[in-house]
């Protein structure tokens, strides 16, 4: 009887050691070396929490098999929530691209008057095993003091990246940079 307890205990320890470890990933700004936070009270843009489609709102990284099927990668995970990671990357990207503005993100520690709020909703943001990556959604800019819509746009970006998960994630970061560039150009045109 003692032998069977020892065998089962040894087997349980060995099996516990065989479990796979998760890999954690983050999106990143493309060019953040020139990022400096300087507050300019007259030109403030606050990025609202980014809304993502339900299928993306998971800790696991989602990849696409085809138009109807996605894969939830149990061992490949975001190092935090994807919506907050996207918000942070866009904040830094915009701060670099729009040095005459103060770019903040909600929630704010104190209220600020005369600010613009940038709302972003992402409908599709994934890649497939061939390295094809898509970012679809819409953004809008609202002047909060008057609750008036200033500008908005739907976006659809596609790029071909490397056929690895890290290649897809780097391509996703590049698409966020492209979105940030388009938002900055549109705001400067307002």
N, C-alpha and C. Protein backbone atom coordinates (compact mmCIF):
# COMPACT_ATOMS: atom_id res chain seq x y z
N UNK A 1 0.81 -1.19 0.00
CA UNK A 1 0.00 0.00 0.00
C UNK A 1 0.86 1.25 0.00
N UNK A 2 1.93 1.25 0.76
CA UNK A 2 2.84 2.39 0.78
C UNK A 2 3.49 2.60 -0.57
N UNK A 3 3.74 1.48 -1.29
CA UNK A 3 4.34 1.59 -2.62
C UNK A 3 3.41 2.33 -3.57
N UNK A 4 2.12 2.04 -3.53
CA UNK A 4 1.18 2.70 -4.45
C UNK A 4 1.05 4.19 -4.13
N UNK A 5 1.13 4.57 -2.87
CA UNK A 5 1.09 5.99 -2.51
C UNK A 5 2.32 6.69 -3.05
N UNK A 6 3.47 6.07 -2.91
CA UNK A 6 4.71 6.65 -3.42
C UNK A 6 4.65 6.77 -4.94
N UNK A 7 4.16 5.75 -5.61
CA UNK A 7 4.07 5.79 -7.08
C UNK A 7 3.11 6.89 -7.52
N UNK A 8 1.93 6.98 -6.91
CA UNK A 8 0.96 8.02 -7.29
C UNK A 8 1.49 9.43 -6.98
N UNK A 9 2.16 9.57 -5.86
CA UNK A 9 2.73 10.88 -5.51
C UNK A 9 3.82 11.27 -6.50
N UNK A 10 4.69 10.33 -6.83
CA UNK A 10 5.75 10.59 -7.81
C UNK A 10 5.15 10.93 -9.16
N UNK A 11 4.15 10.20 -9.58
CA UNK A 11 3.49 10.44 -10.86
C UNK A 11 2.83 11.83 -10.88
N UNK A 12 2.17 12.20 -9.79
CA UNK A 12 1.54 13.53 -9.71
C UNK A 12 2.58 14.64 -9.79
N UNK A 13 3.71 14.47 -9.15
CA UNK A 13 4.78 15.48 -9.19
C UNK A 13 5.35 15.59 -10.59
N UNK A 14 5.57 14.46 -11.24
CA UNK A 14 6.10 14.48 -12.60
C UNK A 14 5.12 15.13 -13.57
N UNK A 15 3.85 14.80 -13.47
CA UNK A 15 2.85 15.40 -14.35
C UNK A 15 2.70 16.90 -14.11
N UNK A 16 2.82 17.32 -12.86
CA UNK A 16 2.74 18.75 -12.56
C UNK A 16 3.89 19.50 -13.20
N UNK A 17 5.04 18.87 -13.28
CA UNK A 17 6.20 19.49 -13.91
C UNK A 17 6.10 19.54 -15.42
N UNK A 18 5.19 18.79 -16.01
CA UNK A 18 5.04 18.75 -17.47
C UNK A 18 4.08 19.81 -18.00
N UNK A 19 3.42 20.52 -17.13
CA UNK A 19 2.47 21.52 -17.63
C UNK A 19 3.22 22.62 -18.38
N UNK A 20 2.60 23.08 -19.43
CA UNK A 20 3.22 24.12 -20.26
C UNK A 20 3.09 25.47 -19.59
N UNK A 21 4.06 26.31 -19.83
CA UNK A 21 4.02 27.67 -19.30
C UNK A 21 3.48 28.61 -20.36
N UNK A 22 2.78 29.62 -19.92
CA UNK A 22 2.22 30.61 -20.85
C UNK A 22 3.30 31.58 -21.30
N UNK A 23 3.13 32.10 -22.50
CA UNK A 23 3.96 33.18 -23.03
C UNK A 23 3.13 34.45 -22.97
N UNK A 24 3.74 35.57 -22.60
CA UNK A 24 3.02 36.83 -22.46
C UNK A 24 3.58 37.85 -23.43
N UNK A 25 2.67 38.63 -24.06
CA UNK A 25 3.04 39.59 -25.10
C UNK A 25 2.38 40.93 -24.84
N UNK A 26 3.00 41.99 -25.40
CA UNK A 26 2.43 43.34 -25.36
C UNK A 26 2.59 44.00 -26.70
N UNK A 27 1.61 44.83 -27.04
CA UNK A 27 1.75 45.73 -28.18
C UNK A 27 2.67 46.85 -27.74
N UNK A 28 3.34 47.50 -28.69
CA UNK A 28 4.26 48.57 -28.29
C UNK A 28 4.23 49.71 -29.29
N UNK A 29 4.51 50.93 -28.80
CA UNK A 29 4.63 52.06 -29.73
C UNK A 29 5.83 51.84 -30.65
N UNK A 30 5.73 52.33 -31.88
CA UNK A 30 6.81 52.13 -32.85
C UNK A 30 8.00 53.03 -32.54
N UNK A 31 7.73 54.30 -32.25
CA UNK A 31 8.81 55.26 -32.01
C UNK A 31 8.48 56.05 -30.75
N UNK A 32 8.90 55.53 -29.62
CA UNK A 32 8.56 56.20 -28.36
C UNK A 32 9.77 56.87 -27.70
N UNK A 33 10.90 56.91 -28.37
CA UNK A 33 12.09 57.49 -27.76
C UNK A 33 11.96 58.99 -27.55
N UNK A 34 11.14 59.66 -28.39
CA UNK A 34 10.99 61.11 -28.24
C UNK A 34 9.77 61.48 -27.40
N UNK A 35 9.16 60.52 -26.72
CA UNK A 35 7.96 60.78 -25.92
C UNK A 35 8.32 61.55 -24.66
N UNK A 36 7.70 62.71 -24.50
CA UNK A 36 7.85 63.51 -23.29
C UNK A 36 6.46 64.00 -22.91
N UNK A 37 6.14 63.93 -21.64
CA UNK A 37 4.83 64.40 -21.20
C UNK A 37 4.98 65.84 -20.73
N UNK A 38 4.40 66.75 -21.51
CA UNK A 38 4.39 68.16 -21.18
C UNK A 38 2.93 68.61 -21.22
N UNK A 39 2.46 69.23 -20.16
CA UNK A 39 1.06 69.65 -20.08
C UNK A 39 0.89 71.04 -20.70
N UNK A 40 0.03 71.09 -21.71
CA UNK A 40 -0.36 72.35 -22.33
C UNK A 40 -1.87 72.46 -22.14
N UNK A 41 -2.30 73.32 -21.24
CA UNK A 41 -3.71 73.37 -20.83
C UNK A 41 -4.66 73.71 -21.98
N UNK A 42 -4.22 74.43 -23.00
CA UNK A 42 -5.14 74.85 -24.05
C UNK A 42 -5.33 73.80 -25.14
N UNK A 43 -4.49 72.79 -25.22
CA UNK A 43 -4.61 71.77 -26.26
C UNK A 43 -4.49 70.39 -25.61
N UNK A 44 -5.61 69.92 -25.09
CA UNK A 44 -5.61 68.64 -24.38
C UNK A 44 -6.55 67.66 -25.09
N UNK A 45 -6.02 66.49 -25.39
CA UNK A 45 -6.83 65.40 -25.94
C UNK A 45 -6.74 64.24 -24.94
N UNK A 46 -7.91 63.79 -24.53
CA UNK A 46 -7.98 62.67 -23.59
C UNK A 46 -8.51 61.45 -24.35
N UNK A 47 -7.80 60.36 -24.24
CA UNK A 47 -8.24 59.12 -24.90
C UNK A 47 -9.13 58.35 -23.93
N UNK A 48 -10.38 58.16 -24.34
CA UNK A 48 -11.32 57.37 -23.53
C UNK A 48 -10.89 55.91 -23.54
N UNK A 49 -11.38 55.13 -22.58
CA UNK A 49 -11.07 53.70 -22.64
C UNK A 49 -11.46 53.12 -24.00
N UNK A 50 -10.56 52.38 -24.59
CA UNK A 50 -10.79 51.81 -25.92
C UNK A 50 -11.78 50.65 -25.78
N UNK A 51 -12.75 50.64 -26.67
CA UNK A 51 -13.72 49.54 -26.71
C UNK A 51 -13.26 48.54 -27.76
N UNK A 52 -13.23 47.27 -27.38
CA UNK A 52 -12.85 46.22 -28.33
C UNK A 52 -14.01 45.25 -28.48
N UNK A 53 -14.08 44.60 -29.63
CA UNK A 53 -15.11 43.59 -29.87
C UNK A 53 -15.00 42.50 -28.80
N UNK A 54 -16.14 41.90 -28.48
CA UNK A 54 -16.18 40.89 -27.42
C UNK A 54 -15.18 39.76 -27.62
N UNK A 55 -15.00 39.33 -28.86
CA UNK A 55 -14.10 38.19 -29.09
C UNK A 55 -12.64 38.53 -28.77
N UNK A 56 -12.30 39.83 -28.72
CA UNK A 56 -10.94 40.25 -28.40
C UNK A 56 -10.73 40.46 -26.90
N UNK A 57 -11.81 40.63 -26.17
CA UNK A 57 -11.73 41.00 -24.76
C UNK A 57 -11.45 39.78 -23.89
N UNK A 58 -10.28 39.21 -24.10
CA UNK A 58 -9.84 38.01 -23.39
C UNK A 58 -8.35 38.13 -23.09
N UNK A 59 -7.86 37.41 -22.10
CA UNK A 59 -6.42 37.44 -21.85
C UNK A 59 -5.63 36.67 -22.92
N UNK A 60 -6.27 35.72 -23.59
CA UNK A 60 -5.59 34.93 -24.61
C UNK A 60 -5.50 35.73 -25.91
N UNK A 61 -4.45 35.45 -26.67
CA UNK A 61 -4.29 36.08 -27.98
C UNK A 61 -5.15 35.32 -28.98
N UNK A 62 -5.86 36.08 -29.79
CA UNK A 62 -6.77 35.52 -30.78
C UNK A 62 -6.11 35.57 -32.15
N UNK A 63 -6.12 34.46 -32.86
CA UNK A 63 -5.69 34.44 -34.25
C UNK A 63 -6.85 33.91 -35.09
N UNK A 64 -6.79 34.17 -36.37
CA UNK A 64 -7.91 33.85 -37.26
C UNK A 64 -7.53 32.70 -38.18
N UNK A 65 -8.42 31.72 -38.29
CA UNK A 65 -8.25 30.63 -39.25
C UNK A 65 -8.82 31.02 -40.61
N UNK A 66 -10.01 31.62 -40.59
CA UNK A 66 -10.67 32.12 -41.80
C UNK A 66 -11.71 33.14 -41.36
N UNK A 67 -12.57 33.57 -42.27
CA UNK A 67 -13.54 34.63 -41.94
C UNK A 67 -14.52 34.22 -40.85
N UNK A 68 -14.75 32.94 -40.66
CA UNK A 68 -15.72 32.49 -39.67
C UNK A 68 -15.12 31.89 -38.41
N UNK A 69 -13.85 31.53 -38.42
CA UNK A 69 -13.27 30.82 -37.29
C UNK A 69 -12.05 31.54 -36.72
N UNK A 70 -12.01 31.57 -35.39
CA UNK A 70 -10.85 32.13 -34.69
C UNK A 70 -10.29 31.07 -33.75
N UNK A 71 -9.04 31.27 -33.36
CA UNK A 71 -8.38 30.37 -32.42
C UNK A 71 -8.06 31.16 -31.17
N UNK A 72 -8.43 30.63 -30.02
CA UNK A 72 -8.07 31.22 -28.74
C UNK A 72 -6.81 30.49 -28.27
N UNK A 73 -5.69 31.18 -28.29
CA UNK A 73 -4.40 30.57 -27.94
C UNK A 73 -4.23 30.56 -26.42
N UNK A 74 -4.48 29.40 -25.82
CA UNK A 74 -4.49 29.29 -24.36
C UNK A 74 -3.13 29.61 -23.73
N UNK A 75 -2.04 29.30 -24.41
CA UNK A 75 -0.72 29.51 -23.82
C UNK A 75 -0.07 30.84 -24.24
N UNK A 76 -0.66 31.52 -25.21
CA UNK A 76 -0.15 32.81 -25.65
C UNK A 76 -1.13 33.88 -25.20
N UNK A 77 -0.68 34.73 -24.29
CA UNK A 77 -1.59 35.66 -23.61
C UNK A 77 -1.06 37.08 -23.66
N UNK A 78 -1.99 38.02 -23.52
CA UNK A 78 -1.60 39.43 -23.38
C UNK A 78 -1.11 39.66 -21.96
N UNK A 79 -0.10 40.49 -21.82
CA UNK A 79 0.44 40.83 -20.50
C UNK A 79 -0.37 41.99 -19.92
N UNK A 80 -1.63 41.76 -19.70
CA UNK A 80 -2.57 42.79 -19.25
C UNK A 80 -3.76 42.81 -20.18
N UNK A 81 -4.66 43.76 -19.98
CA UNK A 81 -5.85 43.80 -20.83
C UNK A 81 -5.52 44.46 -22.17
N UNK A 82 -6.04 43.88 -23.24
CA UNK A 82 -5.75 44.36 -24.59
C UNK A 82 -6.26 45.79 -24.79
N UNK A 83 -7.43 46.12 -24.23
CA UNK A 83 -7.98 47.47 -24.42
C UNK A 83 -7.09 48.53 -23.78
N UNK A 84 -6.57 48.27 -22.60
CA UNK A 84 -5.67 49.23 -21.94
C UNK A 84 -4.32 49.31 -22.64
N UNK A 85 -3.84 48.18 -23.17
CA UNK A 85 -2.59 48.18 -23.92
C UNK A 85 -2.73 49.03 -25.19
N UNK A 86 -3.84 48.86 -25.90
CA UNK A 86 -4.09 49.66 -27.11
C UNK A 86 -4.17 51.14 -26.75
N UNK A 87 -4.90 51.48 -25.69
CA UNK A 87 -5.04 52.87 -25.25
C UNK A 87 -3.66 53.48 -24.94
N UNK A 88 -2.83 52.75 -24.25
CA UNK A 88 -1.50 53.23 -23.89
C UNK A 88 -0.61 53.44 -25.12
N UNK A 89 -0.65 52.49 -26.06
CA UNK A 89 0.16 52.61 -27.28
C UNK A 89 -0.29 53.81 -28.10
N UNK A 90 -1.59 53.98 -28.27
CA UNK A 90 -2.10 55.12 -29.05
C UNK A 90 -1.77 56.44 -28.35
N UNK A 91 -1.84 56.47 -27.04
CA UNK A 91 -1.48 57.69 -26.29
C UNK A 91 -0.04 58.10 -26.57
N UNK A 92 0.87 57.16 -26.49
CA UNK A 92 2.29 57.48 -26.75
C UNK A 92 2.50 57.84 -28.21
N UNK A 93 1.89 57.07 -29.11
CA UNK A 93 2.01 57.38 -30.54
C UNK A 93 1.54 58.80 -30.84
N UNK A 94 0.37 59.17 -30.33
CA UNK A 94 -0.17 60.52 -30.58
C UNK A 94 0.69 61.60 -29.94
N UNK A 95 1.21 61.34 -28.75
CA UNK A 95 2.07 62.34 -28.08
C UNK A 95 3.32 62.62 -28.92
N UNK A 96 3.86 61.60 -29.55
CA UNK A 96 5.04 61.77 -30.40
C UNK A 96 4.66 62.51 -31.68
N UNK A 97 3.51 62.17 -32.27
CA UNK A 97 3.09 62.74 -33.55
C UNK A 97 2.45 64.12 -33.41
N UNK A 98 2.01 64.48 -32.20
CA UNK A 98 1.32 65.75 -31.97
C UNK A 98 1.95 66.50 -30.80
N UNK A 99 3.18 66.96 -30.94
CA UNK A 99 3.88 67.56 -29.81
C UNK A 99 3.25 68.86 -29.29
N UNK A 100 2.37 69.49 -30.06
CA UNK A 100 1.73 70.72 -29.60
C UNK A 100 0.52 70.44 -28.71
N UNK A 101 0.17 69.17 -28.55
CA UNK A 101 -0.97 68.77 -27.73
C UNK A 101 -0.51 68.00 -26.51
N UNK A 102 -1.31 68.06 -25.46
CA UNK A 102 -1.12 67.18 -24.32
C UNK A 102 -2.05 66.00 -24.54
N UNK A 103 -1.51 64.81 -24.52
CA UNK A 103 -2.31 63.60 -24.72
C UNK A 103 -2.37 62.86 -23.39
N UNK A 104 -3.59 62.68 -22.89
CA UNK A 104 -3.81 61.97 -21.63
C UNK A 104 -4.75 60.80 -21.90
N UNK A 105 -4.91 59.95 -20.91
CA UNK A 105 -5.87 58.86 -21.04
C UNK A 105 -6.76 58.80 -19.81
N UNK A 106 -8.01 58.41 -20.05
CA UNK A 106 -8.95 58.24 -18.95
C UNK A 106 -8.67 56.91 -18.27
N UNK A 107 -8.93 56.82 -17.02
CA UNK A 107 -9.54 57.84 -16.17
C UNK A 107 -8.52 58.90 -15.74
N UNK A 108 -9.01 60.12 -15.61
CA UNK A 108 -8.16 61.24 -15.19
C UNK A 108 -8.18 61.35 -13.67
N UNK A 109 -7.09 61.82 -13.10
CA UNK A 109 -7.03 61.99 -11.65
C UNK A 109 -7.80 63.24 -11.20
N UNK A 110 -7.94 64.20 -12.10
CA UNK A 110 -8.71 65.41 -11.79
C UNK A 110 -9.37 65.93 -13.06
N UNK A 111 -10.50 66.62 -12.95
CA UNK A 111 -11.18 67.10 -14.15
C UNK A 111 -10.38 68.20 -14.86
N UNK A 112 -10.49 68.21 -16.19
CA UNK A 112 -9.82 69.22 -17.01
C UNK A 112 -10.86 69.85 -17.92
N UNK A 113 -10.92 71.17 -17.92
CA UNK A 113 -11.85 71.88 -18.81
C UNK A 113 -11.20 72.06 -20.17
N UNK A 114 -12.05 72.28 -21.18
CA UNK A 114 -11.55 72.60 -22.51
C UNK A 114 -10.83 71.48 -23.20
N UNK A 115 -11.22 70.27 -22.89
CA UNK A 115 -10.51 69.13 -23.47
C UNK A 115 -11.34 68.48 -24.58
N UNK A 116 -10.62 67.81 -25.45
CA UNK A 116 -11.23 66.98 -26.48
C UNK A 116 -11.10 65.54 -26.00
N UNK A 117 -12.11 64.73 -26.30
CA UNK A 117 -12.03 63.32 -25.95
C UNK A 117 -12.05 62.50 -27.24
N UNK A 118 -11.11 61.57 -27.32
CA UNK A 118 -10.99 60.68 -28.46
C UNK A 118 -11.56 59.32 -28.07
N UNK A 119 -12.58 58.90 -28.82
CA UNK A 119 -13.21 57.60 -28.60
C UNK A 119 -12.78 56.66 -29.72
N UNK A 120 -12.39 55.44 -29.35
CA UNK A 120 -11.95 54.45 -30.33
C UNK A 120 -12.69 53.15 -30.06
N UNK A 121 -13.26 52.58 -31.11
CA UNK A 121 -13.91 51.27 -31.02
C UNK A 121 -13.26 50.36 -32.06
N UNK A 122 -12.80 49.20 -31.62
CA UNK A 122 -12.14 48.25 -32.51
C UNK A 122 -13.05 47.04 -32.72
N UNK A 123 -13.42 46.82 -33.98
CA UNK A 123 -14.29 45.70 -34.34
C UNK A 123 -13.51 44.44 -34.67
N UNK A 124 -12.34 44.61 -35.27
CA UNK A 124 -11.53 43.45 -35.68
C UNK A 124 -10.06 43.81 -35.53
N UNK A 125 -9.30 42.95 -34.87
CA UNK A 125 -7.88 43.19 -34.66
C UNK A 125 -7.22 41.84 -34.42
N UNK A 126 -6.80 41.21 -35.52
CA UNK A 126 -6.20 39.89 -35.39
C UNK A 126 -5.35 39.57 -36.61
N UNK A 127 -4.66 38.48 -36.52
CA UNK A 127 -3.84 38.02 -37.63
C UNK A 127 -4.09 36.55 -37.88
N UNK A 128 -3.61 36.07 -39.01
CA UNK A 128 -3.79 34.65 -39.31
C UNK A 128 -2.43 33.96 -39.41
N UNK A 129 -2.46 32.67 -39.68
CA UNK A 129 -1.22 31.89 -39.70
C UNK A 129 -0.32 32.25 -40.86
N UNK A 130 -0.83 32.99 -41.83
CA UNK A 130 -0.02 33.44 -42.97
C UNK A 130 0.62 34.80 -42.73
N UNK A 131 0.36 35.41 -41.55
CA UNK A 131 0.94 36.71 -41.23
C UNK A 131 0.11 37.89 -41.68
N UNK A 132 -1.08 37.65 -42.19
CA UNK A 132 -1.98 38.73 -42.60
C UNK A 132 -2.67 39.30 -41.36
N UNK A 133 -2.56 40.62 -41.17
CA UNK A 133 -3.09 41.26 -39.97
C UNK A 133 -4.08 42.35 -40.37
N UNK A 134 -5.19 42.43 -39.63
CA UNK A 134 -6.26 43.39 -39.93
C UNK A 134 -6.61 44.18 -38.68
N UNK A 135 -6.88 45.48 -38.88
CA UNK A 135 -7.39 46.37 -37.83
C UNK A 135 -8.55 47.15 -38.42
N UNK A 136 -9.75 46.93 -37.87
CA UNK A 136 -10.97 47.61 -38.32
C UNK A 136 -11.65 48.27 -37.14
N UNK A 137 -12.28 49.41 -37.39
CA UNK A 137 -13.05 50.06 -36.34
C UNK A 137 -13.41 51.47 -36.72
N UNK A 138 -13.59 52.30 -35.70
CA UNK A 138 -13.93 53.71 -35.92
C UNK A 138 -13.45 54.54 -34.74
N UNK A 139 -13.24 55.82 -35.00
CA UNK A 139 -12.85 56.75 -33.94
C UNK A 139 -13.65 58.03 -34.10
N UNK A 140 -13.78 58.75 -33.00
CA UNK A 140 -14.45 60.06 -33.05
C UNK A 140 -13.81 60.98 -32.02
N UNK A 141 -13.83 62.26 -32.35
CA UNK A 141 -13.29 63.29 -31.47
C UNK A 141 -14.45 64.20 -31.05
N UNK A 142 -14.59 64.39 -29.74
CA UNK A 142 -15.69 65.19 -29.19
C UNK A 142 -15.11 66.29 -28.32
N UNK A 143 -15.65 67.53 -28.48
CA UNK A 143 -15.26 68.63 -27.59
C UNK A 143 -16.19 68.56 -26.39
N UNK A 144 -15.64 68.22 -25.24
CA UNK A 144 -16.44 67.89 -24.06
C UNK A 144 -17.21 69.08 -23.48
N UNK A 145 -16.64 70.29 -23.51
CA UNK A 145 -17.32 71.44 -22.90
C UNK A 145 -18.67 71.70 -23.54
N UNK A 146 -18.77 71.46 -24.84
CA UNK A 146 -20.02 71.70 -25.55
C UNK A 146 -20.67 70.39 -26.00
N UNK A 147 -20.07 69.26 -25.63
CA UNK A 147 -20.54 67.95 -26.04
C UNK A 147 -20.82 67.91 -27.54
N UNK A 148 -19.87 68.46 -28.30
CA UNK A 148 -20.06 68.54 -29.75
C UNK A 148 -19.08 67.63 -30.48
N UNK A 149 -19.62 66.94 -31.48
CA UNK A 149 -18.84 66.05 -32.33
C UNK A 149 -17.98 66.91 -33.24
N UNK A 150 -16.68 66.65 -33.28
CA UNK A 150 -15.76 67.42 -34.11
C UNK A 150 -15.44 66.67 -35.39
N UNK A 151 -15.06 65.42 -35.25
CA UNK A 151 -14.63 64.65 -36.40
C UNK A 151 -14.65 63.17 -36.04
N UNK A 152 -14.79 62.34 -37.04
CA UNK A 152 -14.74 60.90 -36.82
C UNK A 152 -14.50 60.18 -38.13
N UNK A 153 -14.13 58.93 -38.02
CA UNK A 153 -13.80 58.19 -39.23
C UNK A 153 -13.80 56.70 -38.94
N UNK A 154 -14.25 55.93 -39.92
CA UNK A 154 -14.07 54.48 -39.86
C UNK A 154 -12.69 54.16 -40.43
N UNK A 155 -12.10 53.09 -39.96
CA UNK A 155 -10.79 52.72 -40.48
C UNK A 155 -10.74 51.23 -40.78
N UNK A 156 -9.95 50.90 -41.77
CA UNK A 156 -9.68 49.52 -42.14
C UNK A 156 -8.23 49.46 -42.61
N UNK A 157 -7.41 48.76 -41.87
CA UNK A 157 -6.00 48.61 -42.22
C UNK A 157 -5.67 47.13 -42.34
N UNK A 158 -4.78 46.84 -43.26
CA UNK A 158 -4.33 45.48 -43.48
C UNK A 158 -2.84 45.52 -43.79
N UNK A 159 -2.12 44.57 -43.26
CA UNK A 159 -0.70 44.46 -43.59
C UNK A 159 -0.32 42.99 -43.62
N UNK A 160 0.74 42.71 -44.34
CA UNK A 160 1.27 41.36 -44.39
C UNK A 160 2.53 41.32 -43.56
N UNK A 161 2.55 40.48 -42.54
CA UNK A 161 3.70 40.39 -41.66
C UNK A 161 4.35 39.03 -41.76
N UNK A 162 5.16 38.73 -40.78
CA UNK A 162 5.87 37.46 -40.70
C UNK A 162 4.90 36.39 -40.18
N UNK A 163 5.11 35.16 -40.59
CA UNK A 163 4.20 34.07 -40.24
C UNK A 163 4.50 33.45 -38.88
N UNK A 164 4.73 34.28 -37.89
CA UNK A 164 4.90 33.82 -36.52
C UNK A 164 4.02 34.68 -35.64
N UNK A 165 3.74 34.22 -34.42
CA UNK A 165 2.90 35.01 -33.53
C UNK A 165 3.57 36.34 -33.19
N UNK A 166 4.86 36.34 -32.92
CA UNK A 166 5.54 37.61 -32.61
C UNK A 166 5.52 38.53 -33.83
N UNK A 167 5.59 37.96 -35.04
CA UNK A 167 5.48 38.75 -36.26
C UNK A 167 4.11 39.39 -36.39
N UNK A 168 3.08 38.64 -36.04
CA UNK A 168 1.71 39.18 -36.08
C UNK A 168 1.57 40.32 -35.06
N UNK A 169 2.10 40.14 -33.87
CA UNK A 169 1.98 41.17 -32.83
C UNK A 169 2.76 42.43 -33.22
N UNK A 170 3.92 42.28 -33.82
CA UNK A 170 4.67 43.45 -34.31
C UNK A 170 3.88 44.16 -35.41
N UNK A 171 3.23 43.39 -36.28
CA UNK A 171 2.40 43.99 -37.33
C UNK A 171 1.20 44.71 -36.73
N UNK A 172 0.62 44.16 -35.67
CA UNK A 172 -0.49 44.83 -34.99
C UNK A 172 -0.02 46.17 -34.41
N UNK A 173 1.17 46.21 -33.85
CA UNK A 173 1.72 47.46 -33.33
C UNK A 173 1.91 48.47 -34.45
N UNK A 174 2.35 48.01 -35.60
CA UNK A 174 2.53 48.91 -36.76
C UNK A 174 1.19 49.45 -37.23
N UNK A 175 0.15 48.62 -37.19
CA UNK A 175 -1.18 49.11 -37.59
C UNK A 175 -1.71 50.14 -36.59
N UNK A 176 -1.41 49.98 -35.31
CA UNK A 176 -1.80 51.00 -34.33
C UNK A 176 -1.05 52.30 -34.59
N UNK A 177 0.19 52.21 -35.04
CA UNK A 177 0.94 53.41 -35.40
C UNK A 177 0.31 54.09 -36.61
N UNK A 178 -0.12 53.29 -37.57
CA UNK A 178 -0.79 53.84 -38.76
C UNK A 178 -2.10 54.53 -38.37
N UNK A 179 -2.87 53.90 -37.49
CA UNK A 179 -4.10 54.51 -36.99
C UNK A 179 -3.79 55.82 -36.29
N UNK A 180 -2.77 55.83 -35.46
CA UNK A 180 -2.38 57.05 -34.73
C UNK A 180 -1.99 58.16 -35.71
N UNK A 181 -1.26 57.82 -36.75
CA UNK A 181 -0.87 58.81 -37.76
C UNK A 181 -2.09 59.40 -38.45
N UNK A 182 -3.05 58.55 -38.82
CA UNK A 182 -4.26 59.04 -39.47
C UNK A 182 -5.08 59.93 -38.54
N UNK A 183 -5.18 59.55 -37.27
CA UNK A 183 -5.92 60.37 -36.31
C UNK A 183 -5.24 61.73 -36.17
N UNK A 184 -3.91 61.73 -36.03
CA UNK A 184 -3.17 62.99 -35.88
C UNK A 184 -3.37 63.89 -37.10
N UNK A 185 -3.27 63.34 -38.29
CA UNK A 185 -3.45 64.14 -39.51
C UNK A 185 -4.86 64.71 -39.59
N UNK A 186 -5.86 63.93 -39.22
CA UNK A 186 -7.24 64.40 -39.25
C UNK A 186 -7.50 65.48 -38.21
N UNK A 187 -6.89 65.36 -37.05
CA UNK A 187 -7.09 66.37 -36.01
C UNK A 187 -6.42 67.67 -36.43
N UNK A 188 -5.23 67.59 -37.02
CA UNK A 188 -4.57 68.81 -37.48
C UNK A 188 -5.37 69.51 -38.57
N UNK A 189 -6.17 68.75 -39.33
CA UNK A 189 -6.98 69.34 -40.41
C UNK A 189 -8.26 69.99 -39.90
N UNK A 190 -8.66 69.71 -38.66
CA UNK A 190 -9.98 70.15 -38.16
C UNK A 190 -10.17 71.62 -38.18
